[in-house]
C-alpha atoms as a PDB file:
ATOM      1  CA  MET A   1     -14.745 -30.281 -13.227  1.00  0.00           C
ATOM      2  CA  HIS A   2     -13.942 -29.042 -16.943  1.00  0.00           C
ATOM      3  CA  PHE A   3     -11.510 -26.436 -15.990  1.00  0.00           C
ATOM      4  CA  SER A   4      -7.693 -27.212 -15.064  1.00  0.00           C
ATOM      5  CA  LEU A   5      -6.042 -24.860 -12.780  1.00  0.00           C
ATOM      6  CA  LYS A   6      -3.331 -24.128 -15.691  1.00  0.00           C
ATOM      7  CA  GLN A   7      -6.920 -22.251 -17.360  1.00  0.00           C
ATOM      8  CA  LEU A   8      -7.410 -20.268 -14.333  1.00  0.00           C
ATOM      9  CA  GLN A   9      -3.790 -19.234 -14.079  1.00  0.00           C
ATOM     10  CA  VAL A  10      -4.018 -18.301 -17.314  1.00  0.00           C
ATOM     11  CA  PHE A  11      -7.196 -16.078 -16.826  1.00  0.00           C
ATOM     12  CA  LEU A  12      -6.247 -14.389 -13.954  1.00  0.00           C
ATOM     13  CA  ALA A  13      -2.705 -13.588 -15.608  1.00  0.00           C
ATOM     14  CA  VAL A  14      -4.647 -12.079 -18.560  1.00  0.00           C
ATOM     15  CA  ALA A  15      -6.832 -10.138 -16.575  1.00  0.00           C
ATOM     16  CA  HIS A  16      -3.514  -8.688 -14.465  1.00  0.00           C
ATOM     17  CA  HIS A  17      -1.972  -8.069 -18.164  1.00  0.00           C
ATOM     18  CA  ARG A  18      -4.814  -7.034 -19.898  1.00  0.00           C
ATOM     19  CA  ASN A  19      -2.794  -8.481 -22.580  1.00  0.00           C
ATOM     20  CA  VAL A  20      -2.389 -12.142 -23.939  1.00  0.00           C
ATOM     21  CA  SER A  21       1.179 -11.825 -24.663  1.00  0.00           C
ATOM     22  CA  ARG A  22       2.404 -10.201 -21.234  1.00  0.00           C
ATOM     23  CA  ALA A  23       0.567 -13.027 -19.597  1.00  0.00           C
ATOM     24  CA  ALA A  24       1.918 -15.706 -21.584  1.00  0.00           C
ATOM     25  CA  GLU A  25       5.454 -14.394 -20.516  1.00  0.00           C
ATOM     26  CA  GLN A  26       4.256 -14.331 -16.668  1.00  0.00           C
ATOM     27  CA  LEU A  27       3.683 -17.966 -17.012  1.00  0.00           C
ATOM     28  CA  ALA A  28       6.512 -18.952 -19.198  1.00  0.00           C
ATOM     29  CA  MET A  29       3.864 -20.426 -22.042  1.00  0.00           C
ATOM     30  CA  SER A  30       3.975 -19.444 -25.850  1.00  0.00           C
ATOM     31  CA  GLN A  31       1.521 -16.747 -26.603  1.00  0.00           C
ATOM     32  CA  SER A  32      -0.628 -19.250 -28.585  1.00  0.00           C
ATOM     33  CA  ALA A  33      -0.700 -21.804 -25.905  1.00  0.00           C
ATOM     34  CA  CYS A  34      -2.172 -18.948 -23.599  1.00  0.00           C
ATOM     35  CA  SER A  35      -4.532 -17.822 -26.074  1.00  0.00           C
ATOM     36  CA  SER A  36      -6.125 -21.817 -26.347  1.00  0.00           C
ATOM     37  CA  ALA A  37      -5.957 -22.016 -22.713  1.00  0.00           C
ATOM     38  CA  LEU A  38      -8.377 -19.453 -22.228  1.00  0.00           C
ATOM     39  CA  LYS A  39     -10.530 -19.959 -25.365  1.00  0.00           C
ATOM     40  CA  ASP A  40     -11.218 -23.245 -24.085  1.00  0.00           C
ATOM     41  CA  LEU A  41     -11.783 -22.041 -20.886  1.00  0.00           C
ATOM     42  CA  GLU A  42     -14.766 -19.492 -22.286  1.00  0.00           C
ATOM     43  CA  SER A  43     -15.644 -22.147 -24.794  1.00  0.00           C
ATOM     44  CA  GLN A  44     -16.349 -25.151 -22.398  1.00  0.00           C
ATOM     45  CA  TYR A  45     -18.472 -23.200 -20.423  1.00  0.00           C
ATOM     46  CA  GLY A  46     -20.328 -20.891 -23.751  1.00  0.00           C
ATOM     47  CA  LEU A  47     -19.043 -18.021 -22.178  1.00  0.00           C
ATOM     48  CA  GLN A  48     -16.733 -14.924 -22.411  1.00  0.00           C
ATOM     49  CA  LEU A  49     -14.639 -13.067 -20.166  1.00  0.00           C
ATOM     50  CA  PHE A  50     -12.893  -9.938 -21.948  1.00  0.00           C
ATOM     51  CA  ASP A  51     -14.063  -7.088 -23.693  1.00  0.00           C
ATOM     52  CA  ARG A  52     -11.772  -6.207 -26.070  1.00  0.00           C
ATOM     53  CA  VAL A  53     -10.931  -2.518 -25.852  1.00  0.00           C
ATOM     54  CA  GLY A  54      -7.891  -1.414 -28.565  1.00  0.00           C
ATOM     55  CA  LYS A  55      -5.133  -3.614 -27.997  1.00  0.00           C
ATOM     56  CA  ARG A  56      -6.146  -4.510 -24.499  1.00  0.00           C
ATOM     57  CA  LEU A  57      -8.449  -7.471 -23.117  1.00  0.00           C
ATOM     58  CA  GLN A  58     -10.919  -5.685 -20.374  1.00  0.00           C
ATOM     59  CA  ALA A  59     -12.019  -8.334 -17.855  1.00  0.00           C
ATOM     60  CA  ASN A  60     -16.327  -7.917 -17.910  1.00  0.00           C
ATOM     61  CA  GLU A  61     -18.843  -8.087 -15.483  1.00  0.00           C
ATOM     62  CA  LEU A  62     -18.802 -11.662 -15.525  1.00  0.00           C
ATOM     63  CA  GLY A  63     -14.733 -11.906 -15.396  1.00  0.00           C
ATOM     64  CA  ASP A  64     -14.598  -9.477 -12.372  1.00  0.00           C
ATOM     65  CA  TYR A  65     -17.055 -11.229 -10.964  1.00  0.00           C
ATOM     66  CA  LEU A  66     -15.725 -14.841 -11.028  1.00  0.00           C
ATOM     67  CA  ARG A  67     -11.763 -13.032 -10.520  1.00  0.00           C
ATOM     68  CA  PRO A  68     -11.654 -13.361  -6.881  1.00  0.00           C
ATOM     69  CA  LYS A  69     -12.837 -16.632  -6.758  1.00  0.00           C
ATOM     70  CA  ALA A  70     -10.504 -18.132  -9.339  1.00  0.00           C
ATOM     71  CA  GLU A  71      -8.071 -15.992  -7.110  1.00  0.00           C
ATOM     72  CA  ALA A  72      -8.774 -17.702  -4.062  1.00  0.00           C
ATOM     73  CA  LEU A  73      -9.079 -20.868  -5.640  1.00  0.00           C
ATOM     74  CA  LEU A  74      -5.264 -21.149  -6.585  1.00  0.00           C
ATOM     75  CA  ALA A  75      -4.490 -19.409  -3.288  1.00  0.00           C
ATOM     76  CA  GLN A  76      -6.222 -22.725  -2.082  1.00  0.00           C
ATOM     77  CA  ALA A  77      -4.361 -24.979  -3.812  1.00  0.00           C
ATOM     78  CA  ARG A  78      -1.092 -23.830  -3.330  1.00  0.00           C
ATOM     79  CA  GLU A  79      -1.468 -24.444   0.353  1.00  0.00           C
ATOM     80  CA  PHE A  80      -2.344 -27.772  -0.558  1.00  0.00           C
ATOM     81  CA  GLU A  81       0.284 -28.461  -2.607  1.00  0.00           C
ATOM     82  CA  GLN A  82       2.502 -27.007   0.473  1.00  0.00           C
ATOM     83  CA  ALA A  83       0.861 -29.303   3.224  1.00  0.00           C
ATOM     84  CA  LEU A  84       1.499 -32.440   0.274  1.00  0.00           C
ATOM     85  CA  SER A  85       5.592 -31.158   0.946  1.00  0.00           C
ATOM     86  CA  GLN A  86       4.706 -30.954   4.175  1.00  0.00           C
ATOM     87  CA  GLN A  87       5.842 -27.190   4.157  1.00  0.00           C
ATOM     88  CA  PRO A  88       2.531 -25.490   5.085  1.00  0.00           C
ATOM     89  CA  ASP A  89       4.301 -22.601   6.400  1.00  0.00           C
ATOM     90  CA  ALA A  90       6.058 -22.037   2.942  1.00  0.00           C
ATOM     91  CA  GLY A  91       5.457 -19.524  -0.062  1.00  0.00           C
ATOM     92  CA  GLU A  92       5.582 -15.843  -0.149  1.00  0.00           C
ATOM     93  CA  LEU A  93       3.505 -12.808   1.817  1.00  0.00           C
ATOM     94  CA  ARG A  94       2.892 -10.449  -0.254  1.00  0.00           C
ATOM     95  CA  VAL A  95       2.803  -7.021   1.731  1.00  0.00           C
ATOM     96  CA  GLY A  96       2.217  -3.410   0.146  1.00  0.00           C
ATOM     97  CA  ALA A  97       3.023  -0.368   3.194  1.00  0.00           C
ATOM     98  CA  THR A  98       2.623   3.243   2.503  1.00  0.00           C
ATOM     99  CA  LEU A  99       6.220   5.358   2.976  1.00  0.00           C
ATOM    100  CA  THR A 100       5.990   5.709   6.743  1.00  0.00           C
ATOM    101  CA  ILE A 101       4.883   2.335   7.382  1.00  0.00           C
ATOM    102  CA  GLY A 102       6.834   0.818   4.993  1.00  0.00           C
ATOM    103  CA  ASN A 103      10.449   2.578   5.980  1.00  0.00           C
ATOM    104  CA  TYR A 104      10.014   2.743   9.564  1.00  0.00           C
ATOM    105  CA  LEU A 105       7.801   0.241  11.545  1.00  0.00           C
ATOM    106  CA  ALA A 106       8.067  -3.074   8.449  1.00  0.00           C
ATOM    107  CA  VAL A 107      10.869  -4.016   9.361  1.00  0.00           C
ATOM    108  CA  SER A 108      10.276  -5.316  13.060  1.00  0.00           C
ATOM    109  CA  LEU A 109       7.333  -6.847  11.860  1.00  0.00           C
ATOM    110  CA  ILE A 110       9.298  -8.499   8.935  1.00  0.00           C
ATOM    111  CA  ASN A 111      11.880  -9.381  11.352  1.00  0.00           C
ATOM    112  CA  ARG A 112       9.150 -11.370  13.889  1.00  0.00           C
ATOM    113  CA  TYR A 113       7.590 -12.875  11.099  1.00  0.00           C
ATOM    114  CA  ILE A 114       9.998 -14.893   9.880  1.00  0.00           C
ATOM    115  CA  HIS A 115      11.355 -15.838  13.670  1.00  0.00           C
ATOM    116  CA  ASP A 116       8.217 -17.261  13.914  1.00  0.00           C
ATOM    117  CA  ASN A 117       8.141 -19.255  10.498  1.00  0.00           C
ATOM    118  CA  SER A 118      11.429 -19.788   9.415  1.00  0.00           C
ATOM    119  CA  THR A 119      10.554 -20.602   5.655  1.00  0.00           C
ATOM    120  CA  GLY A 120       8.218 -17.703   5.557  1.00  0.00           C
ATOM    121  CA  LYS A 121       9.052 -15.019   3.023  1.00  0.00           C
ATOM    122  CA  VAL A 122       7.812 -11.450   2.469  1.00  0.00           C
ATOM    123  CA  LYS A 123       8.093  -9.406  -0.067  1.00  0.00           C
ATOM    124  CA  LEU A 124       7.191  -5.689   0.362  1.00  0.00           C
ATOM    125  CA  GLU A 125       6.390  -2.964  -1.505  1.00  0.00           C
ATOM    126  CA  VAL A 126       6.447   0.502  -0.919  1.00  0.00           C
ATOM    127  CA  ALA A 127       3.865   2.863  -2.409  1.00  0.00           C
ATOM    128  CA  ASN A 128       1.343   5.606  -1.600  1.00  0.00           C
ATOM    129  CA  THR A 129      -2.114   4.554  -0.702  1.00  0.00           C
ATOM    130  CA  GLU A 130      -3.667   5.102  -4.546  1.00  0.00           C
ATOM    131  CA  GLN A 131      -1.092   3.124  -5.472  1.00  0.00           C
ATOM    132  CA  ILE A 132      -1.483   0.562  -2.353  1.00  0.00           C
ATOM    133  CA  THR A 133      -5.171   0.697  -3.197  1.00  0.00           C
ATOM    134  CA  GLU A 134      -5.091  -0.234  -6.483  1.00  0.00           C
ATOM    135  CA  ARG A 135      -2.689  -3.070  -6.061  1.00  0.00           C
ATOM    136  CA  LEU A 136      -5.095  -4.614  -3.768  1.00  0.00           C
ATOM    137  CA  LEU A 137      -7.769  -4.703  -5.947  1.00  0.00           C
ATOM    138  CA  ASN A 138      -5.809  -6.034  -8.577  1.00  0.00           C
ATOM    139  CA  PHE A 139      -4.668  -8.894  -6.323  1.00  0.00           C
ATOM    140  CA  ASP A 140      -0.870  -7.566  -6.861  1.00  0.00           C
ATOM    141  CA  ILE A 141      -0.522  -7.859  -3.320  1.00  0.00           C
ATOM    142  CA  ASP A 142      -2.418  -9.987  -0.483  1.00  0.00           C
ATOM    143  CA  VAL A 143      -2.386  -7.112   2.363  1.00  0.00           C
ATOM    144  CA  GLY A 144      -1.892  -3.119   2.337  1.00  0.00           C
ATOM    145  CA  MET A 145      -0.760  -0.818   5.479  1.00  0.00           C
ATOM    146  CA  ILE A 146      -2.079   1.977   4.811  1.00  0.00           C
ATOM    147  CA  GLU A 147      -1.529   6.050   6.402  1.00  0.00           C
ATOM    148  CA  GLY A 148      -4.660   7.450   4.095  1.00  0.00           C
ATOM    149  CA  GLU A 149      -8.210   6.843   4.370  1.00  0.00           C
ATOM    150  CA  VAL A 150      -9.666   4.522   2.308  1.00  0.00           C
ATOM    151  CA  GLN A 151     -13.435   3.557   1.237  1.00  0.00           C
ATOM    152  CA  HIS A 152     -14.052   1.208  -1.139  1.00  0.00           C
ATOM    153  CA  PRO A 153     -17.067  -1.778  -1.568  1.00  0.00           C
ATOM    154  CA  ALA A 154     -14.409  -4.833  -2.473  1.00  0.00           C
ATOM    155  CA  LEU A 155     -12.111  -3.659   0.286  1.00  0.00           C
ATOM    156  CA  SER A 156     -12.060  -5.264   4.405  1.00  0.00           C
ATOM    157  CA  VAL A 157     -10.231  -1.769   6.152  1.00  0.00           C
ATOM    158  CA  GLN A 158      -9.679  -1.824   9.905  1.00  0.00           C
ATOM    159  CA  ARG A 159      -8.250   0.467  12.480  1.00  0.00           C
ATOM    160  CA  TRP A 160      -4.786  -0.762  13.136  1.00  0.00           C
ATOM    161  CA  ARG A 161      -2.655   2.273  15.170  1.00  0.00           C
ATOM    162  CA  SER A 162      -2.933   5.746  15.886  1.00  0.00           C
ATOM    163  CA  ASP A 163      -0.455   8.451  14.328  1.00  0.00           C
ATOM    164  CA  GLU A 164       0.135  12.010  13.980  1.00  0.00           C
ATOM    165  CA  LEU A 165       2.088  14.778  11.691  1.00  0.00           C
ATOM    166  CA  VAL A 166       4.321  16.991  13.321  1.00  0.00           C
ATOM    167  CA  CYS A 167       5.533  20.573  11.999  1.00  0.00           C
ATOM    168  CA  PHE A 168       8.966  20.651  11.881  1.00  0.00           C
ATOM    169  CA  CYS A 169      11.954  22.857  10.715  1.00  0.00           C
ATOM    170  CA  ALA A 170      15.582  23.179  10.477  1.00  0.00           C
ATOM    171  CA  PRO A 171      17.201  24.490  14.341  1.00  0.00           C
ATOM    172  CA  ASP A 172      18.564  27.839  12.655  1.00  0.00           C
ATOM    173  CA  HIS A 173      14.911  28.429  10.601  1.00  0.00           C
ATOM    174  CA  PRO A 174      13.112  31.837  11.700  1.00  0.00           C
ATOM    175  CA  LEU A 175      10.025  29.626  13.576  1.00  0.00           C
ATOM    176  CA  ALA A 176      12.722  27.460  15.311  1.00  0.00           C
ATOM    177  CA  LYS A 177      12.486  29.689  18.090  1.00  0.00           C
ATOM    178  CA  GLN A 178       8.405  30.541  18.391  1.00  0.00           C
ATOM    179  CA  GLN A 179       6.617  29.018  20.903  1.00  0.00           C
ATOM    180  CA  HIS A 180       3.861  28.233  18.779  1.00  0.00           C
ATOM    181  CA  LEU A 181       2.632  28.775  15.178  1.00  0.00           C
ATOM    182  CA  THR A 182       0.049  30.944  14.176  1.00  0.00           C
ATOM    183  CA  ASP A 183      -1.986  30.479  11.005  1.00  0.00           C
ATOM    184  CA  VAL A 184      -0.635  33.781  10.039  1.00  0.00           C
ATOM    185  CA  ASP A 185       2.865  31.924  10.215  1.00  0.00           C
ATOM    186  CA  LEU A 186       1.654  28.730   8.258  1.00  0.00           C
ATOM    187  CA  GLU A 187       0.474  30.744   5.235  1.00  0.00           C
ATOM    188  CA  ASN A 188       3.615  33.062   5.534  1.00  0.00           C
ATOM    189  CA  ALA A 189       6.295  30.044   5.337  1.00  0.00           C
ATOM    190  CA  LEU A 190       7.694  28.177   2.428  1.00  0.00           C
ATOM    191  CA  TRP A 191       5.801  24.281   2.304  1.00  0.00           C
ATOM    192  CA  ILE A 192       7.966  21.042   1.278  1.00  0.00           C
ATOM    193  CA  LEU A 193       5.246  18.434   0.971  1.00  0.00           C
ATOM    194  CA  ARG A 194       4.500  14.994  -0.003  1.00  0.00           C
ATOM    195  CA  GLU A 195       2.042  14.401  -3.188  1.00  0.00           C
ATOM    196  CA  LYS A 196      -1.483  13.955  -3.621  1.00  0.00           C
ATOM    197  CA  GLY A 197      -2.903  10.526  -3.455  1.00  0.00           C
ATOM    198  CA  SER A 198      -0.271   9.925  -0.275  1.00  0.00           C
ATOM    199  CA  GLY A 199      -1.739   9.547   3.277  1.00  0.00           C
ATOM    200  CA  THR A 200       0.206  12.021   4.725  1.00  0.00           C
ATOM    201  CA  ARG A 201      -0.883  14.817   2.120  1.00  0.00           C
ATOM    202  CA  GLN A 202      -4.500  13.865   3.116  1.00  0.00           C
ATOM    203  CA  THR A 203      -4.417  14.094   6.892  1.00  0.00           C
ATOM    204  CA  PHE A 204      -1.837  17.152   6.101  1.00  0.00           C
ATOM    205  CA  ASP A 205      -4.678  18.992   4.077  1.00  0.00           C
ATOM    206  CA  ARG A 206      -7.305  18.490   6.684  1.00  0.00           C
ATOM    207  CA  GLY A 207      -5.841  19.363   9.336  1.00  0.00           C
ATOM    208  CA  MET A 208      -5.098  22.647   6.995  1.00  0.00           C
ATOM    209  CA  HIS A 209      -8.280  23.109   6.542  1.00  0.00           C
ATOM    210  CA  GLY A 210      -9.705  26.673   5.049  1.00  0.00           C
ATOM    211  CA  LEU A 211      -6.102  28.053   4.796  1.00  0.00           C
ATOM    212  CA  LEU A 212      -5.153  25.702   1.860  1.00  0.00           C
ATOM    213  CA  PRO A 213      -5.725  27.948  -1.150  1.00  0.00           C
ATOM    214  CA  ASN A 214      -3.018  30.165   1.019  1.00  0.00           C
ATOM    215  CA  LEU A 215      -0.160  28.022   1.099  1.00  0.00           C
ATOM    216  CA  HIS A 216       2.905  28.592  -0.485  1.00  0.00           C
ATOM    217  CA  ILE A 217       4.307  25.100  -1.093  1.00  0.00           C
ATOM    218  CA  SER A 218       7.658  24.944  -3.016  1.00  0.00           C
ATOM    219  CA  LEU A 219       8.367  21.512  -3.395  1.00  0.00           C
ATOM    220  CA  GLU A 220       6.113  18.408  -3.206  1.00  0.00           C
ATOM    221  CA  LEU A 221       8.109  15.086  -3.039  1.00  0.00           C
ATOM    222  CA  GLN A 222       7.553  11.815  -3.280  1.00  0.00           C
ATOM    223  CA  HIS A 223       9.966  10.486  -0.213  1.00  0.00           C
ATOM    224  CA  THR A 224      10.277  11.429   3.069  1.00  0.00           C
ATOM    225  CA  GLU A 225      13.857  11.239   3.814  1.00  0.00           C
ATOM    226  CA  ALA A 226      14.147  13.640   0.747  1.00  0.00           C
ATOM    227  CA  ILE A 227      11.622  15.970   2.771  1.00  0.00           C
ATOM    228  CA  LYS A 228      13.955  15.933   5.691  1.00  0.00           C
ATOM    229  CA  ARG A 229      17.130  16.685   3.517  1.00  0.00           C
ATOM    230  CA  ALA A 230      15.625  19.657   1.842  1.00  0.00           C
ATOM    231  CA  VAL A 231      14.335  20.947   5.405  1.00  0.00           C
ATOM    232  CA  GLU A 232      17.665  20.634   7.096  1.00  0.00           C
ATOM    233  CA  ALA A 233      18.709  22.566   4.278  1.00  0.00           C
ATOM    234  CA  GLY A 234      16.561  25.358   4.945  1.00  0.00           C
ATOM    235  CA  LEU A 235      14.541  25.151   1.669  1.00  0.00           C
ATOM    236  CA  GLY A 236      11.233  25.547   3.628  1.00  0.00           C
ATOM    237  CA  ILE A 237       9.495  23.675   6.554  1.00  0.00           C
ATOM    238  CA  SER A 238       7.035  20.512   6.266  1.00  0.00           C
ATOM    239  CA  CYS A 239       4.835  18.280   7.820  1.00  0.00           C
ATOM    240  CA  LEU A 240       5.393  14.216   8.276  1.00  0.00           C
ATOM    241  CA  SER A 241       4.601  11.633  10.801  1.00  0.00           C
ATOM    242  CA  ARG A 242       5.986  11.527  14.341  1.00  0.00           C
ATOM    243  CA  ILE A 243       7.910   8.066  13.210  1.00  0.00           C
ATOM    244  CA  SER A 244       9.800   9.420  11.048  1.00  0.00           C
ATOM    245  CA  LEU A 245      11.328  12.205  12.872  1.00  0.00           C
ATOM    246  CA  GLU A 246      12.005  10.370  16.463  1.00  0.00           C
ATOM    247  CA  ASP A 247      15.488  10.125  15.554  1.00  0.00           C
ATOM    248  CA  ALA A 248      16.391  13.826  13.519  1.00  0.00           C
ATOM    249  CA  PHE A 249      14.657  15.121  16.867  1.00  0.00           C
ATOM    250  CA  LYS A 250      17.089  13.624  18.929  1.00  0.00           C
ATOM    251  CA  ARG A 251      20.175  14.618  17.354  1.00  0.00           C
ATOM    252  CA  GLY A 252      18.706  17.810  16.631  1.00  0.00           C
ATOM    253  CA  SER A 253      19.260  17.954  13.161  1.00  0.00           C
ATOM    254  CA  LEU A 254      15.706  19.329  13.196  1.00  0.00           C
ATOM    255  CA  VAL A 255      13.336  20.493  15.571  1.00  0.00           C
ATOM    256  CA  PRO A 256       9.331  20.284  15.875  1.00  0.00           C
ATOM    257  CA  LEU A 257       6.855  23.292  15.771  1.00  0.00           C
ATOM    258  CA  GLN A 258       4.195  23.651  18.014  1.00  0.00           C
ATOM    259  CA  THR A 259       0.609  24.188  16.412  1.00  0.00           C
ATOM    260  CA  PRO A 260      -1.764  23.037  18.701  1.00  0.00           C
ATOM    261  CA  HIS A 261      -4.642  24.657  17.241  1.00  0.00           C
ATOM    262  CA  ARG A 262      -4.076  22.338  13.476  1.00  0.00           C
ATOM    263  CA  ASP A 263      -5.111  18.654  14.396  1.00  0.00           C
ATOM    264  CA  PHE A 264      -2.673  16.689  12.453  1.00  0.00           C
ATOM    265  CA  SER A 265      -3.801  13.277  14.230  1.00  0.00           C
ATOM    266  CA  ARG A 266      -4.402  10.189  12.378  1.00  0.00           C
ATOM    267  CA  ASP A 267      -5.513   6.431  12.193  1.00  0.00           C
ATOM    268  CA  LEU A 268      -3.427   3.787  10.510  1.00  0.00           C
ATOM    269  CA  TYR A 269      -4.822   0.744   8.746  1.00  0.00           C
ATOM    270  CA  LEU A 270      -4.833  -2.719   7.317  1.00  0.00           C
ATOM    271  CA  ALA A 271      -6.785  -3.758   3.912  1.00  0.00           C
ATOM    272  CA  THR A 272      -7.357  -6.667   2.324  1.00  0.00           C
ATOM    273  CA  HIS A 273      -9.251  -7.336  -0.004  1.00  0.00           C
ATOM    274  CA  LYS A 274     -13.095  -8.707   1.062  1.00  0.00           C
ATOM    275  CA  GLN A 275     -12.679 -11.709  -1.063  1.00  0.00           C
ATOM    276  CA  LYS A 276      -9.070 -12.760  -0.815  1.00  0.00           C
ATOM    277  CA  TYR A 277      -8.232 -16.227   0.910  1.00  0.00           C
ATOM    278  CA  ARG A 278      -7.114 -15.936   3.877  1.00  0.00           C
ATOM    279  CA  GLY A 279      -4.239 -18.784   4.031  1.00  0.00           C
ATOM    280  CA  VAL A 280      -1.715 -19.579   6.860  1.00  0.00           C
ATOM    281  CA  GLY A 281       0.681 -16.419   5.987  1.00  0.00           C
ATOM    282  CA  LEU A 282      -1.542 -13.961   5.913  1.00  0.00           C
ATOM    283  CA  ASN A 283      -3.733 -14.752   9.115  1.00  0.00           C
ATOM    284  CA  ARG A 284       0.100 -14.809  10.518  1.00  0.00           C
ATOM    285  CA  TRP A 285       1.121 -11.660   9.396  1.00  0.00           C
ATOM    286  CA  LEU A 286      -2.328  -9.921  10.812  1.00  0.00           C
ATOM    287  CA  VAL A 287      -2.061 -11.395  14.280  1.00  0.00           C
ATOM    288  CA  ILE A 288       2.012 -10.046  14.484  1.00  0.00           C
ATOM    289  CA  CYS A 289       0.269  -6.750  13.172  1.00  0.00           C
ATOM    290  CA  GLU A 290      -2.158  -6.519  16.300  1.00  0.00           C
ATOM    291  CA  SER A 291       0.664  -7.084  18.298  1.00  0.00           C
ATOM    292  CA  TYR A 292       1.805  -3.835  17.093  1.00  0.00           C
ATOM    293  CA  ALA A 293      -0.986  -2.307  17.684  1.00  0.00           C
ATOM    294  CA  ASN A 294      -1.474   0.884  20.588  1.00  0.00           C
ATOM    295  CA  SER A 295      -4.267   2.472  21.779  1.00  0.00           C
END
């Protein structure tokens, strides 16, 4: 075997950062040592793994092909080292979750994971569906929990559980007392919505098919809680996951609006890279998620 694990680490760090100096900083190496390790790896096999694009290094077709294989090798090496240390469950699981899941569902999953595995650590990153998808493709996270529908040949996406969006307003809003909203009501309202690229916005846009060009969107915000506060303040109405609204509905600070002619149902998904090595931690997380699934 002519390559070393350090060379693979350098290759992956450069592929991730597209920059040798940043890769060296991540690995606590000098820039020259990092550059030499990459050059040695390429010269040993007479190949080129990167193309230079301006000041950046972009993995070429061969580099893209080898990257997930290198990721899997290093993951198995870390698991082997943990086994040698008699700590087979040690290591950090990197979870990416979209806002509704990250803010309202993930804590219970993390609590169960740590309870079952006292040495386990979870790093949770919360972002929208597009950002989580990008991080999965870049091997920045081990698993994604997303609200939006994603179709990418490199990803394995499976249905996790069902959810639905609910339109809502402040209790003193003029629409609060209506039994159900008509399309005219929806067109005349001021809307406060999640940003484009989020799974919630994707479902809302689908549910409002035929009305979207006529809607008055006054604010687009990235955070669910900010939207709820804005609606409570009477700035407009909105549409978010029922999961994120249950407490507010119980308190009466927000009230649901009935839109029976609009379909806001959706599924939540678990996503992994197809070539991601599934170690003990990732497999355990997926089993826990399945136990929290609904029909």
